[in-house]
């Protein structure tokens, strides 16, 4: 196994690719690392793939994968993770804002200090305020929900032990939450390193307000999936039980009031003439539906459970 795999998602970054490649190679050779560079072309419509092809001809350590269209950064990283052979896997953006000079420090934190995930922290950002303020708010919310004390979840410069990237799957915009996904898969030794953040040299940023909004939706999604994908009844069953019991007790109270009023000889409104009865009826129906949803989801989860759903750290003296 080689020492370092560098995974670089690429989307319309043809001008920066040769310079980034030269910089990474200089760092690797200077420290004597064995390495590979995996460029994942995410459906670029400029000359990015041509530049990658040139580099694969010049340098046998360069690998290239090209998508037929733009699938997003998470898909590109997931593909790179599946191809990586290094003991330490490092991800970085292709726009030259992440410095390859940080690679040795990240590598040492994983190999010498024992971290399973190390996330970069762009303490001094070279981005416009329209990008930095939403990012700070986003990071604050993610810290609260995840319980992981990182300053910059969205930093593209990260390092992982190989076993981490082989045991997680990301899609959508979930690349922002890899530390969270890693933690929920049993890799909780997560560290942080202040890294240099450089101004963009070529091209233009791919950041937009829609990515910010989608990021929060994906945070809700990844939180729900990782907590309840193997026990959906705990979520749907709990909500269903609460809703059903609320409807049951309200209905019981209305019936009791009706019977007690008749016993006292008072004129009492019909149960069906009270709006509260219909709210209780809705609560009963919703409760049953939620419980059945949880039951069906539990059956599907049970039928689809496989050994591959569980992460194995090590095996000893096992023979096929």
C-alpha atoms as a PDB file:
ATOM      1  CA  UNK A   1       0.000   0.000   0.000  1.00  0.00           C
ATOM      2  CA  UNK A   2       1.266   3.469  -0.854  1.00  0.00           C
ATOM      3  CA  UNK A   3       1.473   6.179   1.784  1.00  0.00           C
ATOM      4  CA  UNK A   4      -0.804   8.935   0.449  1.00  0.00           C
ATOM      5  CA  UNK A   5      -3.720   9.189  -1.948  1.00  0.00           C
ATOM      6  CA  UNK A   6      -4.719  12.723  -2.936  1.00  0.00           C
ATOM      7  CA  UNK A   7      -8.277  12.994  -4.271  1.00  0.00           C
ATOM      8  CA  UNK A   8      -9.172  16.104  -6.238  1.00  0.00           C
ATOM      9  CA  UNK A   9     -12.716  16.711  -7.561  1.00  0.00           C
ATOM     10  CA  UNK A  10     -12.559  18.853 -10.697  1.00  0.00           C
ATOM     11  CA  UNK A  11     -15.241  21.000 -12.275  1.00  0.00           C
ATOM     12  CA  UNK A  12     -14.075  23.523 -14.882  1.00  0.00           C
ATOM     13  CA  UNK A  13     -10.601  24.127 -13.431  1.00  0.00           C
ATOM     14  CA  UNK A  14      -8.414  23.571 -16.492  1.00  0.00           C
ATOM     15  CA  UNK A  15      -6.081  26.493 -15.738  1.00  0.00           C
ATOM     16  CA  UNK A  16      -5.241  25.385 -12.202  1.00  0.00           C
ATOM     17  CA  UNK A  17      -4.737  21.644 -12.790  1.00  0.00           C
ATOM     18  CA  UNK A  18      -1.134  21.707 -14.146  1.00  0.00           C
ATOM     19  CA  UNK A  19       0.042  24.081 -11.402  1.00  0.00           C
ATOM     20  CA  UNK A  20      -1.680  22.069  -8.685  1.00  0.00           C
ATOM     21  CA  UNK A  21      -0.170  18.833  -9.993  1.00  0.00           C
ATOM     22  CA  UNK A  22       3.332  20.312 -10.059  1.00  0.00           C
ATOM     23  CA  UNK A  23       2.921  21.651  -6.528  1.00  0.00           C
ATOM     24  CA  UNK A  24       1.708  18.329  -5.105  1.00  0.00           C
ATOM     25  CA  UNK A  25       4.524  16.407  -6.799  1.00  0.00           C
ATOM     26  CA  UNK A  26       7.093  18.832  -5.396  1.00  0.00           C
ATOM     27  CA  UNK A  27       5.781  18.299  -1.861  1.00  0.00           C
ATOM     28  CA  UNK A  28       5.642  14.513  -2.227  1.00  0.00           C
ATOM     29  CA  UNK A  29       9.164  14.230  -3.615  1.00  0.00           C
ATOM     30  CA  UNK A  30      10.521  16.647  -1.034  1.00  0.00           C
ATOM     31  CA  UNK A  31       9.286  14.398   1.792  1.00  0.00           C
ATOM     32  CA  UNK A  32       9.919  11.083   0.047  1.00  0.00           C
ATOM     33  CA  UNK A  33       6.290   9.934   0.124  1.00  0.00           C
ATOM     34  CA  UNK A  34       4.899   7.218  -2.119  1.00  0.00           C
ATOM     35  CA  UNK A  35       1.697   8.652  -3.530  1.00  0.00           C
ATOM     36  CA  UNK A  36      -1.051   8.766  -6.097  1.00  0.00           C
ATOM     37  CA  UNK A  37      -3.132  11.694  -7.318  1.00  0.00           C
ATOM     38  CA  UNK A  38      -6.702  10.893  -8.329  1.00  0.00           C
ATOM     39  CA  UNK A  39      -8.442  13.562 -10.373  1.00  0.00           C
ATOM     40  CA  UNK A  40     -12.211  13.054 -10.632  1.00  0.00           C
ATOM     41  CA  UNK A  41     -13.609  15.113 -13.498  1.00  0.00           C
ATOM     42  CA  UNK A  42     -17.167  15.997 -12.471  1.00  0.00           C
ATOM     43  CA  UNK A  43     -18.604  16.642 -15.933  1.00  0.00           C
ATOM     44  CA  UNK A  44     -16.439  19.680 -16.766  1.00  0.00           C
ATOM     45  CA  UNK A  45     -17.321  21.443 -20.013  1.00  0.00           C
ATOM     46  CA  UNK A  46     -13.950  23.147 -20.462  1.00  0.00           C
ATOM     47  CA  UNK A  47     -10.577  21.497 -21.109  1.00  0.00           C
ATOM     48  CA  UNK A  48     -10.137  20.014 -17.629  1.00  0.00           C
ATOM     49  CA  UNK A  49     -10.272  16.404 -18.789  1.00  0.00           C
ATOM     50  CA  UNK A  50      -7.716  17.074 -21.528  1.00  0.00           C
ATOM     51  CA  UNK A  51      -5.337  18.459 -18.908  1.00  0.00           C
ATOM     52  CA  UNK A  52      -5.857  15.399 -16.721  1.00  0.00           C
ATOM     53  CA  UNK A  53      -5.163  13.089 -19.663  1.00  0.00           C
ATOM     54  CA  UNK A  54      -1.896  14.896 -20.353  1.00  0.00           C
ATOM     55  CA  UNK A  55      -0.814  14.451 -16.745  1.00  0.00           C
ATOM     56  CA  UNK A  56      -1.622  10.716 -16.726  1.00  0.00           C
ATOM     57  CA  UNK A  57       0.674  10.339 -19.758  1.00  0.00           C
ATOM     58  CA  UNK A  58       3.483  12.228 -18.035  1.00  0.00           C
ATOM     59  CA  UNK A  59       3.163  10.881 -14.489  1.00  0.00           C
ATOM     60  CA  UNK A  60       2.240   7.239 -13.688  1.00  0.00           C
ATOM     61  CA  UNK A  61       1.175   8.346 -10.202  1.00  0.00           C
ATOM     62  CA  UNK A  62      -1.712  10.343 -11.661  1.00  0.00           C
ATOM     63  CA  UNK A  63      -5.074   8.608 -12.088  1.00  0.00           C
ATOM     64  CA  UNK A  64      -8.158  10.034 -13.748  1.00  0.00           C
ATOM     65  CA  UNK A  65     -11.883   9.335 -13.647  1.00  0.00           C
ATOM     66  CA  UNK A  66     -14.400  11.292 -15.698  1.00  0.00           C
ATOM     67  CA  UNK A  67     -18.167  11.467 -15.193  1.00  0.00           C
ATOM     68  CA  UNK A  68     -20.540  11.832 -18.135  1.00  0.00           C
ATOM     69  CA  UNK A  69     -22.171  14.853 -16.471  1.00  0.00           C
ATOM     70  CA  UNK A  70     -21.946  16.990 -13.358  1.00  0.00           C
ATOM     71  CA  UNK A  71     -22.995  14.857 -10.374  1.00  0.00           C
ATOM     72  CA  UNK A  72     -21.627  17.085  -7.617  1.00  0.00           C
ATOM     73  CA  UNK A  73     -18.653  17.123  -5.283  1.00  0.00           C
ATOM     74  CA  UNK A  74     -19.961  14.359  -3.032  1.00  0.00           C
ATOM     75  CA  UNK A  75     -20.233  11.918  -5.938  1.00  0.00           C
ATOM     76  CA  UNK A  76     -16.726  12.833  -7.085  1.00  0.00           C
ATOM     77  CA  UNK A  77     -15.283  12.256  -3.621  1.00  0.00           C
ATOM     78  CA  UNK A  78     -17.167   9.000  -3.221  1.00  0.00           C
ATOM     79  CA  UNK A  79     -15.701   7.762  -6.504  1.00  0.00           C
ATOM     80  CA  UNK A  80     -12.225   8.853  -5.426  1.00  0.00           C
ATOM     81  CA  UNK A  81     -12.623   7.060  -2.092  1.00  0.00           C
ATOM     82  CA  UNK A  82     -13.447   3.816  -3.893  1.00  0.00           C
ATOM     83  CA  UNK A  83     -10.254   4.078  -5.970  1.00  0.00           C
ATOM     84  CA  UNK A  84      -7.858   5.240  -3.229  1.00  0.00           C
ATOM     85  CA  UNK A  85      -5.034   2.884  -2.187  1.00  0.00           C
ATOM     86  CA  UNK A  86      -3.101   5.106   0.207  1.00  0.00           C
ATOM     87  CA  UNK A  87      -2.737   4.560   3.952  1.00  0.00           C
ATOM     88  CA  UNK A  88      -3.812   8.180   4.312  1.00  0.00           C
ATOM     89  CA  UNK A  89      -6.361   9.723   1.971  1.00  0.00           C
ATOM     90  CA  UNK A  90      -6.245  13.492   1.529  1.00  0.00           C
ATOM     91  CA  UNK A  91      -8.892  15.523  -0.258  1.00  0.00           C
ATOM     92  CA  UNK A  92      -8.461  19.011  -1.625  1.00  0.00           C
ATOM     93  CA  UNK A  93     -10.149  21.346  -4.071  1.00  0.00           C
ATOM     94  CA  UNK A  94      -8.744  21.939  -7.537  1.00  0.00           C
ATOM     95  CA  UNK A  95      -8.896  25.744  -7.435  1.00  0.00           C
ATOM     96  CA  UNK A  96      -5.508  26.244  -5.708  1.00  0.00           C
ATOM     97  CA  UNK A  97      -7.149  27.709  -2.607  1.00  0.00           C
ATOM     98  CA  UNK A  98      -6.036  24.622  -0.653  1.00  0.00           C
ATOM     99  CA  UNK A  99      -2.266  24.468  -0.199  1.00  0.00           C
ATOM    100  CA  UNK A 100      -0.486  21.128  -0.858  1.00  0.00           C
ATOM    101  CA  UNK A 101       2.147  22.304   1.641  1.00  0.00           C
ATOM    102  CA  UNK A 102      -0.337  21.224   4.326  1.00  0.00           C
ATOM    103  CA  UNK A 103      -0.119  17.567   3.247  1.00  0.00           C
ATOM    104  CA  UNK A 104       2.840  16.555   5.479  1.00  0.00           C
ATOM    105  CA  UNK A 105       1.183  18.033   8.577  1.00  0.00           C
ATOM    106  CA  UNK A 106      -2.100  16.281   7.864  1.00  0.00           C
ATOM    107  CA  UNK A 107      -0.296  13.006   7.168  1.00  0.00           C
ATOM    108  CA  UNK A 108       1.568  13.189  10.481  1.00  0.00           C
ATOM    109  CA  UNK A 109      -1.601  13.889  12.448  1.00  0.00           C
ATOM    110  CA  UNK A 110      -3.139  10.701  11.066  1.00  0.00           C
ATOM    111  CA  UNK A 111      -0.102   8.427  11.196  1.00  0.00           C
ATOM    112  CA  UNK A 112       1.767   9.732  14.253  1.00  0.00           C
ATOM    113  CA  UNK A 113      -1.000  11.200  16.416  1.00  0.00           C
ATOM    114  CA  UNK A 114      -3.600   8.545  15.637  1.00  0.00           C
ATOM    115  CA  UNK A 115      -6.443  10.671  14.310  1.00  0.00           C
ATOM    116  CA  UNK A 116      -8.900   8.890  12.020  1.00  0.00           C
ATOM    117  CA  UNK A 117     -10.173  12.113  10.452  1.00  0.00           C
ATOM    118  CA  UNK A 118      -8.417  15.485  10.348  1.00  0.00           C
ATOM    119  CA  UNK A 119     -10.366  18.465   9.062  1.00  0.00           C
ATOM    120  CA  UNK A 120      -8.743  21.655   7.855  1.00  0.00           C
ATOM    121  CA  UNK A 121      -9.727  24.965   9.424  1.00  0.00           C
ATOM    122  CA  UNK A 122      -9.476  27.996   7.171  1.00  0.00           C
ATOM    123  CA  UNK A 123      -8.994  30.390  10.064  1.00  0.00           C
ATOM    124  CA  UNK A 124      -8.127  33.261   7.709  1.00  0.00           C
ATOM    125  CA  UNK A 125     -10.446  32.985   4.754  1.00  0.00           C
ATOM    126  CA  UNK A 126      -9.811  34.615   1.383  1.00  0.00           C
ATOM    127  CA  UNK A 127     -13.456  34.624   0.355  1.00  0.00           C
ATOM    128  CA  UNK A 128     -16.027  37.424   0.002  1.00  0.00           C
ATOM    129  CA  UNK A 129     -18.291  38.217   2.944  1.00  0.00           C
ATOM    130  CA  UNK A 130     -21.286  36.758   1.065  1.00  0.00           C
ATOM    131  CA  UNK A 131     -19.590  33.387   1.451  1.00  0.00           C
ATOM    132  CA  UNK A 132     -17.960  33.693   4.874  1.00  0.00           C
ATOM    133  CA  UNK A 133     -21.007  34.794   6.904  1.00  0.00           C
ATOM    134  CA  UNK A 134     -23.310  31.971   5.682  1.00  0.00           C
ATOM    135  CA  UNK A 135     -20.441  29.530   6.217  1.00  0.00           C
ATOM    136  CA  UNK A 136     -19.991  30.584   9.859  1.00  0.00           C
ATOM    137  CA  UNK A 137     -23.699  30.241  10.530  1.00  0.00           C
ATOM    138  CA  UNK A 138     -23.743  26.857   8.795  1.00  0.00           C
ATOM    139  CA  UNK A 139     -20.756  25.611  10.814  1.00  0.00           C
ATOM    140  CA  UNK A 140     -22.328  26.767  14.072  1.00  0.00           C
ATOM    141  CA  UNK A 141     -25.551  24.870  13.410  1.00  0.00           C
ATOM    142  CA  UNK A 142     -23.651  21.747  12.363  1.00  0.00           C
ATOM    143  CA  UNK A 143     -21.540  21.875  15.556  1.00  0.00           C
ATOM    144  CA  UNK A 144     -24.676  21.993  17.698  1.00  0.00           C
ATOM    145  CA  UNK A 145     -26.401  19.127  15.865  1.00  0.00           C
ATOM    146  CA  UNK A 146     -23.357  16.876  15.463  1.00  0.00           C
ATOM    147  CA  UNK A 147     -21.598  17.509  18.771  1.00  0.00           C
ATOM    148  CA  UNK A 148     -18.283  17.633  16.871  1.00  0.00           C
ATOM    149  CA  UNK A 149     -16.183  20.648  17.842  1.00  0.00           C
ATOM    150  CA  UNK A 150     -14.888  21.630  14.409  1.00  0.00           C
ATOM    151  CA  UNK A 151     -14.691  25.208  13.194  1.00  0.00           C
ATOM    152  CA  UNK A 152     -14.923  24.476   9.467  1.00  0.00           C
ATOM    153  CA  UNK A 153     -16.899  21.452   8.300  1.00  0.00           C
ATOM    154  CA  UNK A 154     -16.907  22.696   4.715  1.00  0.00           C
ATOM    155  CA  UNK A 155     -13.130  22.890   4.257  1.00  0.00           C
ATOM    156  CA  UNK A 156     -12.166  20.731   1.276  1.00  0.00           C
ATOM    157  CA  UNK A 157      -8.745  19.965   2.755  1.00  0.00           C
ATOM    158  CA  UNK A 158      -9.140  16.872   4.945  1.00  0.00           C
ATOM    159  CA  UNK A 159      -7.203  13.709   5.759  1.00  0.00           C
ATOM    160  CA  UNK A 160      -8.537  10.245   6.554  1.00  0.00           C
ATOM    161  CA  UNK A 161      -7.293   6.821   7.424  1.00  0.00           C
ATOM    162  CA  UNK A 162      -7.949   4.504   4.502  1.00  0.00           C
ATOM    163  CA  UNK A 163     -10.422   2.392   6.483  1.00  0.00           C
ATOM    164  CA  UNK A 164     -12.585   5.442   7.095  1.00  0.00           C
ATOM    165  CA  UNK A 165     -13.177   6.250   3.423  1.00  0.00           C
ATOM    166  CA  UNK A 166     -13.796   2.587   2.637  1.00  0.00           C
ATOM    167  CA  UNK A 167     -16.604   2.395   5.186  1.00  0.00           C
ATOM    168  CA  UNK A 168     -18.616   5.512   4.406  1.00  0.00           C
ATOM    169  CA  UNK A 169     -20.836   6.465   1.481  1.00  0.00           C
ATOM    170  CA  UNK A 170     -21.673  10.051   0.542  1.00  0.00           C
ATOM    171  CA  UNK A 171     -24.028  11.605  -1.997  1.00  0.00           C
ATOM    172  CA  UNK A 172     -25.990  14.798  -2.602  1.00  0.00           C
ATOM    173  CA  UNK A 173     -24.186  17.601  -0.729  1.00  0.00           C
ATOM    174  CA  UNK A 174     -23.056  15.363   2.110  1.00  0.00           C
ATOM    175  CA  UNK A 175     -19.341  15.998   1.593  1.00  0.00           C
ATOM    176  CA  UNK A 176     -19.795  18.793   4.150  1.00  0.00           C
ATOM    177  CA  UNK A 177     -20.771  16.231   6.764  1.00  0.00           C
ATOM    178  CA  UNK A 178     -18.082  13.588   6.284  1.00  0.00           C
ATOM    179  CA  UNK A 179     -16.794  14.055   9.872  1.00  0.00           C
ATOM    180  CA  UNK A 180     -20.352  13.536  11.122  1.00  0.00           C
ATOM    181  CA  UNK A 181     -20.882  10.474   8.903  1.00  0.00           C
ATOM    182  CA  UNK A 182     -17.517   9.085  10.013  1.00  0.00           C
ATOM    183  CA  UNK A 183     -18.430   9.574  13.685  1.00  0.00           C
ATOM    184  CA  UNK A 184     -21.732   7.725  13.271  1.00  0.00           C
ATOM    185  CA  UNK A 185     -19.848   4.883  11.586  1.00  0.00           C
ATOM    186  CA  UNK A 186     -17.599   4.450  14.610  1.00  0.00           C
ATOM    187  CA  UNK A 187     -14.669   6.706  13.681  1.00  0.00           C
ATOM    188  CA  UNK A 188     -14.839   9.267  16.460  1.00  0.00           C
ATOM    189  CA  UNK A 189     -11.164  10.268  16.775  1.00  0.00           C
ATOM    190  CA  UNK A 190     -11.535  13.503  14.815  1.00  0.00           C
ATOM    191  CA  UNK A 191      -8.987  16.301  14.824  1.00  0.00           C
ATOM    192  CA  UNK A 192      -8.563  19.744  13.309  1.00  0.00           C
ATOM    193  CA  UNK A 193      -5.637  21.616  11.790  1.00  0.00           C
ATOM    194  CA  UNK A 194      -5.384  25.295  10.919  1.00  0.00           C
ATOM    195  CA  UNK A 195      -4.547  25.469   7.213  1.00  0.00           C
ATOM    196  CA  UNK A 196      -3.556  28.181   4.806  1.00  0.00           C
ATOM    197  CA  UNK A 197      -6.369  29.441   2.613  1.00  0.00           C
ATOM    198  CA  UNK A 198      -5.295  31.118  -0.579  1.00  0.00           C
ATOM    199  CA  UNK A 199      -7.227  33.509  -2.825  1.00  0.00           C
ATOM    200  CA  UNK A 200      -8.669  31.997  -5.994  1.00  0.00           C
ATOM    201  CA  UNK A 201      -6.205  32.368  -8.843  1.00  0.00           C
ATOM    202  CA  UNK A 202      -8.192  31.110 -11.823  1.00  0.00           C
ATOM    203  CA  UNK A 203     -11.846  30.796 -12.740  1.00  0.00           C
ATOM    204  CA  UNK A 204     -14.785  31.668 -10.529  1.00  0.00           C
ATOM    205  CA  UNK A 205     -16.385  30.225  -7.424  1.00  0.00           C
ATOM    206  CA  UNK A 206     -19.057  27.521  -7.731  1.00  0.00           C
ATOM    207  CA  UNK A 207     -20.735  28.632  -4.496  1.00  0.00           C
ATOM    208  CA  UNK A 208     -24.354  29.778  -4.696  1.00  0.00           C
ATOM    209  CA  UNK A 209     -27.212  30.364  -2.282  1.00  0.00           C
ATOM    210  CA  UNK A 210     -28.908  27.170  -3.510  1.00  0.00           C
ATOM    211  CA  UNK A 211     -25.909  25.134  -2.289  1.00  0.00           C
ATOM    212  CA  UNK A 212     -26.252  26.743   1.143  1.00  0.00           C
ATOM    213  CA  UNK A 213     -29.950  25.826   1.346  1.00  0.00           C
ATOM    214  CA  UNK A 214     -29.360  22.317  -0.001  1.00  0.00           C
ATOM    215  CA  UNK A 215     -26.643  21.869   2.589  1.00  0.00           C
ATOM    216  CA  UNK A 216     -29.095  22.351   5.454  1.00  0.00           C
ATOM    217  CA  UNK A 217     -31.591  19.961   3.879  1.00  0.00           C
ATOM    218  CA  UNK A 218     -28.816  17.386   3.587  1.00  0.00           C
ATOM    219  CA  UNK A 219     -27.883  17.969   7.242  1.00  0.00           C
ATOM    220  CA  UNK A 220     -31.432  17.022   8.245  1.00  0.00           C
ATOM    221  CA  UNK A 221     -31.320  14.047   5.873  1.00  0.00           C
ATOM    222  CA  UNK A 222     -27.977  12.677   7.040  1.00  0.00           C
ATOM    223  CA  UNK A 223     -28.949  13.162  10.694  1.00  0.00           C
ATOM    224  CA  UNK A 224     -32.174  11.218  10.210  1.00  0.00           C
ATOM    225  CA  UNK A 225     -30.729   8.444   8.038  1.00  0.00           C
ATOM    226  CA  UNK A 226     -27.739   7.732  10.248  1.00  0.00           C
ATOM    227  CA  UNK A 227     -29.762   7.695  13.452  1.00  0.00           C
ATOM    228  CA  UNK A 228     -32.768   5.704  12.284  1.00  0.00           C
ATOM    229  CA  UNK A 229     -31.872   3.743   9.144  1.00  0.00           C
ATOM    230  CA  UNK A 230     -31.518   0.502  11.145  1.00  0.00           C
ATOM    231  CA  UNK A 231     -34.338   1.242  13.607  1.00  0.00           C
ATOM    232  CA  UNK A 232     -37.030   3.272  11.809  1.00  0.00           C
ATOM    233  CA  UNK A 233     -39.698   2.075  14.239  1.00  0.00           C
ATOM    234  CA  UNK A 234     -38.003   4.105  16.980  1.00  0.00           C
ATOM    235  CA  UNK A 235     -38.831   7.267  15.032  1.00  0.00           C
ATOM    236  CA  UNK A 236     -42.146   6.530  13.335  1.00  0.00           C
ATOM    237  CA  UNK A 237     -43.385   4.314  16.157  1.00  0.00           C
ATOM    238  CA  UNK A 238     -42.697   6.954  18.811  1.00  0.00           C
ATOM    239  CA  UNK A 239     -44.482   9.693  16.861  1.00  0.00           C
ATOM    240  CA  UNK A 240     -47.332   7.334  16.015  1.00  0.00           C
ATOM    241  CA  UNK A 241     -47.766   6.246  19.625  1.00  0.00           C
ATOM    242  CA  UNK A 242     -47.791   9.838  20.903  1.00  0.00           C
ATOM    243  CA  UNK A 243     -50.322  10.890  18.265  1.00  0.00           C
ATOM    244  CA  UNK A 244     -52.577   7.869  18.848  1.00  0.00           C
ATOM    245  CA  UNK A 245     -52.543   8.241  22.635  1.00  0.00           C
ATOM    246  CA  UNK A 246     -53.321  11.965  22.360  1.00  0.00           C
ATOM    247  CA  UNK A 247     -56.312  11.214  20.140  1.00  0.00           C
ATOM    248  CA  UNK A 248     -57.420   8.342  22.377  1.00  0.00           C
ATOM    249  CA  UNK A 249     -57.350  10.353  25.610  1.00  0.00           C
ATOM    250  CA  UNK A 250     -59.090  13.359  24.034  1.00  0.00           C
ATOM    251  CA  UNK A 251     -61.833  11.106  22.664  1.00  0.00           C
ATOM    252  CA  UNK A 252     -62.165   9.318  26.006  1.00  0.00           C
ATOM    253  CA  UNK A 253     -62.465  12.649  27.803  1.00  0.00           C
ATOM    254  CA  UNK A 254     -65.204  13.839  25.431  1.00  0.00           C
ATOM    255  CA  UNK A 255     -67.137  10.593  25.919  1.00  0.00           C
ATOM    256  CA  UNK A 256     -66.742  10.855  29.693  1.00  0.00           C
ATOM    257  CA  UNK A 257     -68.035  14.436  29.636  1.00  0.00           C
ATOM    258  CA  UNK A 258     -71.036  13.343  27.564  1.00  0.00           C
ATOM    259  CA  UNK A 259     -71.974  10.424  29.852  1.00  0.00           C
ATOM    260  CA  UNK A 260     -71.364  12.415  33.038  1.00  0.00           C
ATOM    261  CA  UNK A 261     -73.459  15.306  31.760  1.00  0.00           C
ATOM    262  CA  UNK A 262     -76.364  13.012  30.871  1.00  0.00           C
ATOM    263  CA  UNK A 263     -76.072  11.394  34.302  1.00  0.00           C
ATOM    264  CA  UNK A 264     -76.344  14.843  35.893  1.00  0.00           C
ATOM    265  CA  UNK A 265     -79.396  15.592  33.765  1.00  0.00           C
ATOM    266  CA  UNK A 266     -77.759  18.477  31.931  1.00  0.00           C
ATOM    267  CA  UNK A 267     -78.079  19.348  28.284  1.00  0.00           C
ATOM    268  CA  UNK A 268     -74.813  18.246  26.638  1.00  0.00           C
ATOM    269  CA  UNK A 269     -73.514  18.968  23.149  1.00  0.00           C
ATOM    270  CA  UNK A 270     -73.165  16.065  20.788  1.00  0.00           C
ATOM    271  CA  UNK A 271     -69.619  14.720  20.661  1.00  0.00           C
ATOM    272  CA  UNK A 272     -69.570  15.009  16.869  1.00  0.00           C
ATOM    273  CA  UNK A 273     -70.564  18.689  17.160  1.00  0.00           C
ATOM    274  CA  UNK A 274     -67.308  19.546  18.904  1.00  0.00           C
ATOM    275  CA  UNK A 275     -64.256  20.516  16.798  1.00  0.00           C
ATOM    276  CA  UNK A 276     -61.993  18.858  19.358  1.00  0.00           C
ATOM    277  CA  UNK A 277     -63.502  15.498  18.421  1.00  0.00           C
ATOM    278  CA  UNK A 278     -62.359  15.820  14.815  1.00  0.00           C
ATOM    279  CA  UNK A 279     -58.862  16.841  15.910  1.00  0.00           C
ATOM    280  CA  UNK A 280     -58.763  13.747  18.105  1.00  0.00           C
ATOM    281  CA  UNK A 281     -59.980  11.619  15.206  1.00  0.00           C
ATOM    282  CA  UNK A 282     -57.212  12.973  12.967  1.00  0.00           C
ATOM    283  CA  UNK A 283     -54.644  12.266  15.691  1.00  0.00           C
ATOM    284  CA  UNK A 284     -55.879   8.664  15.953  1.00  0.00           C
ATOM    285  CA  UNK A 285     -55.677   8.099  12.191  1.00  0.00           C
ATOM    286  CA  UNK A 286     -52.257   9.760  11.869  1.00  0.00           C
ATOM    287  CA  UNK A 287     -50.979   7.727  14.818  1.00  0.00           C
ATOM    288  CA  UNK A 288     -52.031   4.449  13.215  1.00  0.00           C
ATOM    289  CA  UNK A 289     -50.522   5.477   9.872  1.00  0.00           C
ATOM    290  CA  UNK A 290     -47.197   6.479  11.443  1.00  0.00           C
ATOM    291  CA  UNK A 291     -47.032   3.230  13.394  1.00  0.00           C
ATOM    292  CA  UNK A 292     -47.736   1.197  10.250  1.00  0.00           C
ATOM    293  CA  UNK A 293     -45.102   3.210   8.374  1.00  0.00           C
ATOM    294  CA  UNK A 294     -42.554   2.354  11.051  1.00  0.00           C
ATOM    295  CA  UNK A 295     -43.596  -1.301  10.964  1.00  0.00           C
ATOM    296  CA  UNK A 296     -43.216  -1.527   7.172  1.00  0.00           C
ATOM    297  CA  UNK A 297     -39.889   0.337   7.274  1.00  0.00           C
ATOM    298  CA  UNK A 298     -38.673  -2.074   9.957  1.00  0.00           C
ATOM    299  CA  UNK A 299     -39.621  -5.051   7.768  1.00  0.00           C
ATOM    300  CA  UNK A 300     -37.793  -3.534   4.782  1.00  0.00           C
ATOM    301  CA  UNK A 301     -34.725  -2.836   6.903  1.00  0.00           C
ATOM    302  CA  UNK A 302     -34.738  -6.397   8.223  1.00  0.00           C
ATOM    303  CA  UNK A 303     -35.046  -7.887   4.732  1.00  0.00           C
ATOM    304  CA  UNK A 304     -32.286  -5.694   3.321  1.00  0.00           C
ATOM    305  CA  UNK A 305     -29.826  -6.111   6.187  1.00  0.00           C
ATOM    306  CA  UNK A 306     -26.491  -7.435   5.009  1.00  0.00           C
ATOM    307  CA  UNK A 307     -23.110  -8.025   6.583  1.00  0.00           C
ATOM    308  CA  UNK A 308     -21.811  -5.109   4.472  1.00  0.00           C
ATOM    309  CA  UNK A 309     -23.966  -2.769   6.554  1.00  0.00           C
ATOM    310  CA  UNK A 310     -21.517  -3.125   9.438  1.00  0.00           C
ATOM    311  CA  UNK A 311     -17.986  -1.772   9.561  1.00  0.00           C
ATOM    312  CA  UNK A 312     -15.230  -4.176  10.588  1.00  0.00           C
ATOM    313  CA  UNK A 313     -12.084  -2.683  12.058  1.00  0.00           C
ATOM    314  CA  UNK A 314      -9.866  -5.781  12.084  1.00  0.00           C
ATOM    315  CA  UNK A 315     -10.073  -9.562  11.686  1.00  0.00           C
ATOM    316  CA  UNK A 316      -7.816 -12.143  13.323  1.00  0.00           C
ATOM    317  CA  UNK A 317      -7.330 -15.820  12.429  1.00  0.00           C
ATOM    318  CA  UNK A 318     -10.387 -15.986  10.230  1.00  0.00           C
ATOM    319  CA  UNK A 319     -10.322 -18.324   7.243  1.00  0.00           C
ATOM    320  CA  UNK A 320     -12.868 -18.726   4.505  1.00  0.00           C
END
